[in-house]
Amino acid sequence: MSLKLTKQRQEILDLIRNSSGHMTADQIHSVLKEQNVKIGIATVYRNLNVLYEEHLINRVRHPELGYIYDKNIHDHYHFRCVECDRIQDVSIEYQDRLHKVVEDELNAKVFSHDINFEGICSECLKKNK
């Protein structure tokens, strides 16, 4: 599929690519509105789904916020701070070998996996000292 990057879709993609972290659809909508981009929340959700399906962005399931969106499209892991709720990328190598372990265990076919670590980030640890 040759994806047409409409003005609104491009605005969303640019915002995510220029972000320093992960954002919810509501946060994306709020920032765009602050930038005087006329866009509805349904349009944001619809375009986020298209951008994800086209592998232009990544999405991560957050236990409380639903999906958050990430500019890093390579397979990777995440860390969520239980104090400040911030999500960070973890730069350890993606463990493809886990697919074989699970396939052998369940006699199934694994296509992908997602691992999220939870704990307290370094900034919150410093605040708590």
N, C-alpha and C. Protein backbone atom coordinates (compact mmCIF):
# COMPACT_ATOMS: atom_id res chain seq x y z
N MET A 1 0.84 -1.18 0.00
CA MET A 1 0.00 0.00 0.00
C MET A 1 0.89 1.24 0.00
N SER A 2 0.60 2.14 -0.88
CA SER A 2 1.31 3.41 -0.92
C SER A 2 0.53 4.40 -0.05
N LEU A 3 1.08 4.70 1.10
CA LEU A 3 0.38 5.53 2.07
C LEU A 3 0.45 7.00 1.68
N LYS A 4 -0.71 7.62 1.64
CA LYS A 4 -0.78 9.06 1.40
C LYS A 4 -0.62 9.76 2.75
N LEU A 5 0.37 10.62 2.82
CA LEU A 5 0.58 11.37 4.05
C LEU A 5 -0.18 12.68 3.95
N THR A 6 -1.41 12.65 4.46
CA THR A 6 -2.23 13.85 4.49
C THR A 6 -1.58 14.85 5.44
N LYS A 7 -2.03 16.09 5.41
CA LYS A 7 -1.46 17.13 6.27
C LYS A 7 -1.57 16.73 7.74
N GLN A 8 -2.75 16.25 8.14
CA GLN A 8 -2.95 15.86 9.54
C GLN A 8 -2.10 14.65 9.91
N ARG A 9 -2.03 13.68 9.02
CA ARG A 9 -1.22 12.48 9.28
C ARG A 9 0.25 12.87 9.42
N GLN A 10 0.71 13.78 8.56
CA GLN A 10 2.10 14.23 8.61
C GLN A 10 2.37 14.98 9.91
N GLU A 11 1.39 15.79 10.36
CA GLU A 11 1.55 16.52 11.63
C GLU A 11 1.73 15.54 12.80
N ILE A 12 0.93 14.49 12.82
CA ILE A 12 1.02 13.47 13.87
C ILE A 12 2.36 12.77 13.82
N LEU A 13 2.75 12.36 12.62
CA LEU A 13 4.02 11.65 12.44
C LEU A 13 5.19 12.53 12.86
N ASP A 14 5.19 13.79 12.44
CA ASP A 14 6.28 14.71 12.81
C ASP A 14 6.35 14.90 14.32
N LEU A 15 5.19 15.04 14.96
CA LEU A 15 5.16 15.22 16.41
C LEU A 15 5.78 14.01 17.12
N ILE A 16 5.40 12.82 16.71
CA ILE A 16 5.94 11.61 17.34
C ILE A 16 7.44 11.49 17.07
N ARG A 17 7.85 11.72 15.84
CA ARG A 17 9.28 11.60 15.50
C ARG A 17 10.14 12.62 16.22
N ASN A 18 9.57 13.77 16.56
CA ASN A 18 10.34 14.81 17.24
C ASN A 18 10.19 14.77 18.75
N SER A 19 9.40 13.82 19.25
CA SER A 19 9.18 13.73 20.70
C SER A 19 10.40 13.09 21.37
N SER A 20 10.54 13.36 22.65
CA SER A 20 11.65 12.78 23.40
C SER A 20 11.23 11.51 24.14
N GLY A 21 9.96 11.15 24.01
CA GLY A 21 9.49 9.96 24.72
C GLY A 21 8.28 9.36 24.05
N HIS A 22 7.41 8.81 24.84
CA HIS A 22 6.20 8.14 24.36
C HIS A 22 4.99 9.01 24.69
N MET A 23 3.99 8.97 23.82
CA MET A 23 2.82 9.84 24.00
C MET A 23 1.54 9.05 23.80
N THR A 24 0.50 9.41 24.55
CA THR A 24 -0.82 8.84 24.33
C THR A 24 -1.50 9.61 23.20
N ALA A 25 -2.59 9.06 22.69
CA ALA A 25 -3.36 9.75 21.66
C ALA A 25 -3.88 11.08 22.21
N ASP A 26 -4.33 11.10 23.46
CA ASP A 26 -4.82 12.34 24.07
C ASP A 26 -3.72 13.39 24.17
N GLN A 27 -2.51 12.96 24.53
CA GLN A 27 -1.40 13.90 24.61
C GLN A 27 -1.06 14.46 23.22
N ILE A 28 -1.07 13.59 22.23
CA ILE A 28 -0.80 14.01 20.85
C ILE A 28 -1.85 15.03 20.42
N HIS A 29 -3.11 14.72 20.71
CA HIS A 29 -4.21 15.63 20.36
C HIS A 29 -4.03 16.98 21.05
N SER A 30 -3.70 16.98 22.32
CA SER A 30 -3.52 18.23 23.08
C SER A 30 -2.38 19.07 22.51
N VAL A 31 -1.24 18.44 22.22
CA VAL A 31 -0.10 19.19 21.68
C VAL A 31 -0.44 19.78 20.33
N LEU A 32 -1.10 19.00 19.47
CA LEU A 32 -1.48 19.52 18.15
C LEU A 32 -2.43 20.70 18.27
N LYS A 33 -3.39 20.60 19.20
CA LYS A 33 -4.32 21.71 19.41
C LYS A 33 -3.57 22.96 19.90
N GLU A 34 -2.58 22.76 20.78
CA GLU A 34 -1.76 23.88 21.26
C GLU A 34 -0.99 24.53 20.11
N GLN A 35 -0.66 23.71 19.09
CA GLN A 35 0.06 24.22 17.92
C GLN A 35 -0.91 24.75 16.86
N ASN A 36 -2.18 24.89 17.24
CA ASN A 36 -3.24 25.40 16.36
C ASN A 36 -3.51 24.51 15.15
N VAL A 37 -3.28 23.21 15.31
CA VAL A 37 -3.65 22.25 14.27
C VAL A 37 -5.09 21.85 14.53
N LYS A 38 -5.94 22.06 13.55
CA LYS A 38 -7.37 21.72 13.70
C LYS A 38 -7.53 20.23 13.40
N ILE A 39 -7.77 19.46 14.48
CA ILE A 39 -7.88 18.01 14.33
C ILE A 39 -8.71 17.47 15.49
N GLY A 40 -9.58 16.54 15.19
CA GLY A 40 -10.39 15.91 16.21
C GLY A 40 -9.71 14.69 16.78
N ILE A 41 -10.12 14.30 17.96
CA ILE A 41 -9.51 13.13 18.62
C ILE A 41 -9.74 11.85 17.82
N ALA A 42 -10.89 11.70 17.18
CA ALA A 42 -11.16 10.51 16.36
C ALA A 42 -10.19 10.44 15.19
N THR A 43 -9.88 11.59 14.62
CA THR A 43 -8.92 11.64 13.50
C THR A 43 -7.53 11.26 13.98
N VAL A 44 -7.18 11.69 15.18
CA VAL A 44 -5.88 11.32 15.75
C VAL A 44 -5.81 9.80 15.90
N TYR A 45 -6.82 9.20 16.51
CA TYR A 45 -6.82 7.74 16.70
C TYR A 45 -6.76 7.01 15.36
N ARG A 46 -7.55 7.44 14.42
CA ARG A 46 -7.59 6.79 13.11
C ARG A 46 -6.22 6.86 12.42
N ASN A 47 -5.60 8.02 12.47
CA ASN A 47 -4.29 8.18 11.83
C ASN A 47 -3.18 7.45 12.57
N LEU A 48 -3.26 7.38 13.89
CA LEU A 48 -2.28 6.60 14.66
C LEU A 48 -2.35 5.13 14.26
N ASN A 49 -3.56 4.61 14.09
CA ASN A 49 -3.71 3.21 13.67
C ASN A 49 -3.10 2.99 12.29
N VAL A 50 -3.33 3.92 11.37
CA VAL A 50 -2.77 3.79 10.02
C VAL A 50 -1.24 3.86 10.07
N LEU A 51 -0.69 4.81 10.80
CA LEU A 51 0.76 4.94 10.91
C LEU A 51 1.39 3.71 11.54
N TYR A 52 0.71 3.13 12.52
CA TYR A 52 1.21 1.90 13.14
C TYR A 52 1.16 0.73 12.16
N GLU A 53 0.04 0.58 11.46
CA GLU A 53 -0.10 -0.52 10.50
C GLU A 53 0.91 -0.42 9.37
N GLU A 54 1.32 0.79 9.04
CA GLU A 54 2.31 1.01 7.98
C GLU A 54 3.75 0.98 8.52
N HIS A 55 3.91 0.66 9.81
CA HIS A 55 5.22 0.53 10.46
C HIS A 55 6.02 1.84 10.45
N LEU A 56 5.29 2.96 10.52
CA LEU A 56 5.96 4.26 10.60
C LEU A 56 6.14 4.70 12.05
N ILE A 57 5.35 4.12 12.95
CA ILE A 57 5.47 4.35 14.39
C ILE A 57 5.24 3.01 15.09
N ASN A 58 5.54 2.98 16.35
CA ASN A 58 5.31 1.79 17.16
C ASN A 58 4.28 2.15 18.23
N ARG A 59 3.61 1.15 18.74
CA ARG A 59 2.72 1.40 19.87
C ARG A 59 3.00 0.36 20.94
N VAL A 60 2.83 0.81 22.17
CA VAL A 60 3.14 -0.01 23.33
C VAL A 60 1.92 -0.01 24.23
N ARG A 61 1.54 -1.18 24.70
CA ARG A 61 0.39 -1.26 25.61
C ARG A 61 0.83 -0.81 27.00
N HIS A 62 0.13 0.18 27.51
CA HIS A 62 0.38 0.70 28.85
C HIS A 62 -0.72 0.15 29.76
N PRO A 63 -0.38 -0.30 30.96
CA PRO A 63 -1.38 -0.94 31.82
C PRO A 63 -2.54 -0.03 32.25
N GLU A 64 -2.33 1.27 32.24
CA GLU A 64 -3.38 2.19 32.66
C GLU A 64 -3.85 3.14 31.57
N LEU A 65 -2.99 3.46 30.63
CA LEU A 65 -3.30 4.48 29.63
C LEU A 65 -3.74 3.92 28.28
N GLY A 66 -3.78 2.62 28.14
CA GLY A 66 -4.06 2.04 26.82
C GLY A 66 -2.79 2.03 26.01
N TYR A 67 -2.87 2.41 24.74
CA TYR A 67 -1.66 2.45 23.92
C TYR A 67 -0.95 3.79 24.06
N ILE A 68 0.37 3.71 24.06
CA ILE A 68 1.20 4.89 23.91
C ILE A 68 2.00 4.70 22.63
N TYR A 69 2.43 5.78 22.03
CA TYR A 69 3.04 5.73 20.70
C TYR A 69 4.50 6.13 20.78
N ASP A 70 5.29 5.46 19.95
CA ASP A 70 6.74 5.49 20.05
C ASP A 70 7.33 5.67 18.65
N LYS A 71 8.35 6.51 18.53
CA LYS A 71 9.00 6.70 17.24
C LYS A 71 9.97 5.57 16.90
N ASN A 72 10.39 4.82 17.90
CA ASN A 72 11.33 3.71 17.70
C ASN A 72 10.57 2.51 17.15
N ILE A 73 10.72 2.23 15.86
CA ILE A 73 9.95 1.16 15.22
C ILE A 73 10.65 -0.19 15.25
N HIS A 74 11.86 -0.23 15.78
CA HIS A 74 12.57 -1.50 15.87
C HIS A 74 12.08 -2.28 17.09
N ASP A 75 12.15 -3.61 17.02
CA ASP A 75 11.75 -4.44 18.15
C ASP A 75 12.63 -4.08 19.35
N HIS A 76 12.00 -3.74 20.45
CA HIS A 76 12.73 -3.37 21.65
C HIS A 76 11.81 -3.50 22.86
N TYR A 77 12.39 -3.35 24.03
CA TYR A 77 11.66 -3.48 25.28
C TYR A 77 11.49 -2.13 25.95
N HIS A 78 10.62 -2.11 26.96
CA HIS A 78 10.31 -0.87 27.65
C HIS A 78 10.37 -1.05 29.16
N PHE A 79 10.60 0.06 29.84
CA PHE A 79 10.60 0.12 31.30
C PHE A 79 9.59 1.19 31.71
N ARG A 80 8.70 0.83 32.63
CA ARG A 80 7.72 1.79 33.15
C ARG A 80 8.00 2.04 34.62
N CYS A 81 8.14 3.32 34.96
CA CYS A 81 8.33 3.70 36.36
C CYS A 81 6.96 3.70 37.04
N VAL A 82 6.86 2.95 38.14
CA VAL A 82 5.59 2.88 38.87
C VAL A 82 5.34 4.12 39.71
N GLU A 83 6.36 4.98 39.86
CA GLU A 83 6.21 6.22 40.62
C GLU A 83 5.68 7.35 39.72
N CYS A 84 6.40 7.63 38.62
CA CYS A 84 6.05 8.77 37.76
C CYS A 84 5.31 8.33 36.49
N ASP A 85 5.21 7.03 36.26
CA ASP A 85 4.48 6.45 35.14
C ASP A 85 5.16 6.69 33.78
N ARG A 86 6.39 7.16 33.80
CA ARG A 86 7.12 7.40 32.55
C ARG A 86 7.56 6.08 31.92
N ILE A 87 7.51 6.03 30.60
CA ILE A 87 7.96 4.85 29.85
C ILE A 87 9.28 5.19 29.18
N GLN A 88 10.24 4.29 29.29
CA GLN A 88 11.54 4.48 28.65
C GLN A 88 11.87 3.26 27.79
N ASP A 89 12.57 3.50 26.68
CA ASP A 89 13.08 2.38 25.89
C ASP A 89 14.23 1.73 26.65
N VAL A 90 14.32 0.42 26.56
CA VAL A 90 15.42 -0.33 27.15
C VAL A 90 16.30 -0.79 25.99
N SER A 91 17.57 -0.42 26.04
CA SER A 91 18.43 -0.75 24.90
C SER A 91 19.21 -2.03 25.13
N ILE A 92 18.46 -3.11 25.29
CA ILE A 92 19.08 -4.44 25.26
C ILE A 92 18.58 -5.11 23.99
N GLU A 93 19.37 -6.02 23.50
CA GLU A 93 19.03 -6.69 22.25
C GLU A 93 17.72 -7.46 22.36
N TYR A 94 16.90 -7.33 21.34
CA TYR A 94 15.64 -8.07 21.26
C TYR A 94 15.95 -9.56 21.23
N GLN A 95 15.28 -10.34 22.05
CA GLN A 95 15.60 -11.75 22.24
C GLN A 95 14.75 -12.67 21.34
N ASP A 96 15.11 -12.75 20.07
CA ASP A 96 14.38 -13.62 19.14
C ASP A 96 14.37 -15.08 19.58
N ARG A 97 15.39 -15.49 20.30
CA ARG A 97 15.47 -16.91 20.70
C ARG A 97 14.32 -17.32 21.63
N LEU A 98 13.68 -16.33 22.26
CA LEU A 98 12.53 -16.64 23.10
C LEU A 98 11.38 -17.23 22.28
N HIS A 99 11.29 -16.86 21.02
CA HIS A 99 10.24 -17.40 20.16
C HIS A 99 10.33 -18.92 20.11
N LYS A 100 11.53 -19.44 19.91
CA LYS A 100 11.74 -20.89 19.81
C LYS A 100 11.42 -21.57 21.14
N VAL A 101 11.80 -20.95 22.24
CA VAL A 101 11.52 -21.52 23.57
C VAL A 101 10.02 -21.68 23.76
N VAL A 102 9.27 -20.65 23.45
CA VAL A 102 7.81 -20.68 23.62
C VAL A 102 7.18 -21.63 22.60
N GLU A 103 7.66 -21.63 21.39
CA GLU A 103 7.13 -22.56 20.37
C GLU A 103 7.30 -24.01 20.82
N ASP A 104 8.48 -24.33 21.35
CA ASP A 104 8.73 -25.70 21.82
C ASP A 104 7.85 -26.03 23.02
N GLU A 105 7.68 -25.09 23.91
CA GLU A 105 6.87 -25.29 25.11
C GLU A 105 5.41 -25.53 24.78
N LEU A 106 4.87 -24.75 23.84
CA LEU A 106 3.43 -24.79 23.55
C LEU A 106 3.08 -25.48 22.25
N ASN A 107 4.12 -25.92 21.51
CA ASN A 107 3.89 -26.50 20.20
C ASN A 107 3.04 -25.54 19.35
N ALA A 108 3.50 -24.29 19.28
CA ALA A 108 2.77 -23.22 18.60
C ALA A 108 3.74 -22.45 17.72
N LYS A 109 3.24 -21.47 17.01
CA LYS A 109 4.07 -20.58 16.19
C LYS A 109 4.01 -19.18 16.78
N VAL A 110 5.16 -18.62 17.14
CA VAL A 110 5.26 -17.28 17.71
C VAL A 110 5.70 -16.31 16.62
N PHE A 111 4.99 -15.19 16.50
CA PHE A 111 5.34 -14.16 15.53
C PHE A 111 6.11 -13.00 16.15
N SER A 112 5.78 -12.69 17.40
CA SER A 112 6.46 -11.60 18.09
C SER A 112 6.21 -11.73 19.58
N HIS A 113 6.92 -10.93 20.34
CA HIS A 113 6.68 -10.87 21.78
C HIS A 113 6.95 -9.46 22.27
N ASP A 114 6.45 -9.18 23.46
CA ASP A 114 6.57 -7.86 24.05
C ASP A 114 6.89 -8.04 25.53
N ILE A 115 7.96 -7.42 25.97
CA ILE A 115 8.33 -7.49 27.38
C ILE A 115 8.42 -6.07 27.91
N ASN A 116 7.74 -5.83 29.02
CA ASN A 116 7.78 -4.53 29.67
C ASN A 116 8.26 -4.72 31.10
N PHE A 117 9.28 -3.97 31.46
CA PHE A 117 9.81 -4.02 32.81
C PHE A 117 9.14 -2.91 33.63
N GLU A 118 8.94 -3.16 34.92
CA GLU A 118 8.38 -2.16 35.81
C GLU A 118 9.28 -2.01 37.03
N GLY A 119 9.38 -0.80 37.51
CA GLY A 119 10.20 -0.53 38.69
C GLY A 119 10.17 0.96 38.98
N ILE A 120 11.24 1.46 39.58
CA ILE A 120 11.35 2.88 39.89
C ILE A 120 12.54 3.43 39.11
N CYS A 121 12.30 4.48 38.33
CA CYS A 121 13.35 5.06 37.49
C CYS A 121 14.39 5.78 38.34
N SER A 122 15.52 6.09 37.72
CA SER A 122 16.62 6.73 38.45
C SER A 122 16.22 8.09 39.01
N GLU A 123 15.42 8.85 38.28
CA GLU A 123 15.01 10.17 38.77
C GLU A 123 14.14 10.04 40.03
N CYS A 124 13.21 9.10 40.02
CA CYS A 124 12.35 8.90 41.20
C CYS A 124 13.14 8.33 42.36
N LEU A 125 14.13 7.48 42.09
CA LEU A 125 14.99 6.96 43.17
C LEU A 125 15.73 8.11 43.84
N LYS A 126 16.23 9.07 43.04
CA LYS A 126 16.94 10.22 43.60
C LYS A 126 16.01 11.06 44.48
N LYS A 127 14.76 11.25 44.01
CA LYS A 127 13.78 12.05 44.77
C LYS A 127 13.44 11.38 46.10
N ASN A 128 13.39 10.04 46.09
CA ASN A 128 12.98 9.28 47.28
C ASN A 128 14.08 9.14 48.33
N LYS A 129 15.32 9.52 47.99
CA LYS A 129 16.43 9.36 48.96
C LYS A 129 16.37 10.40 50.04
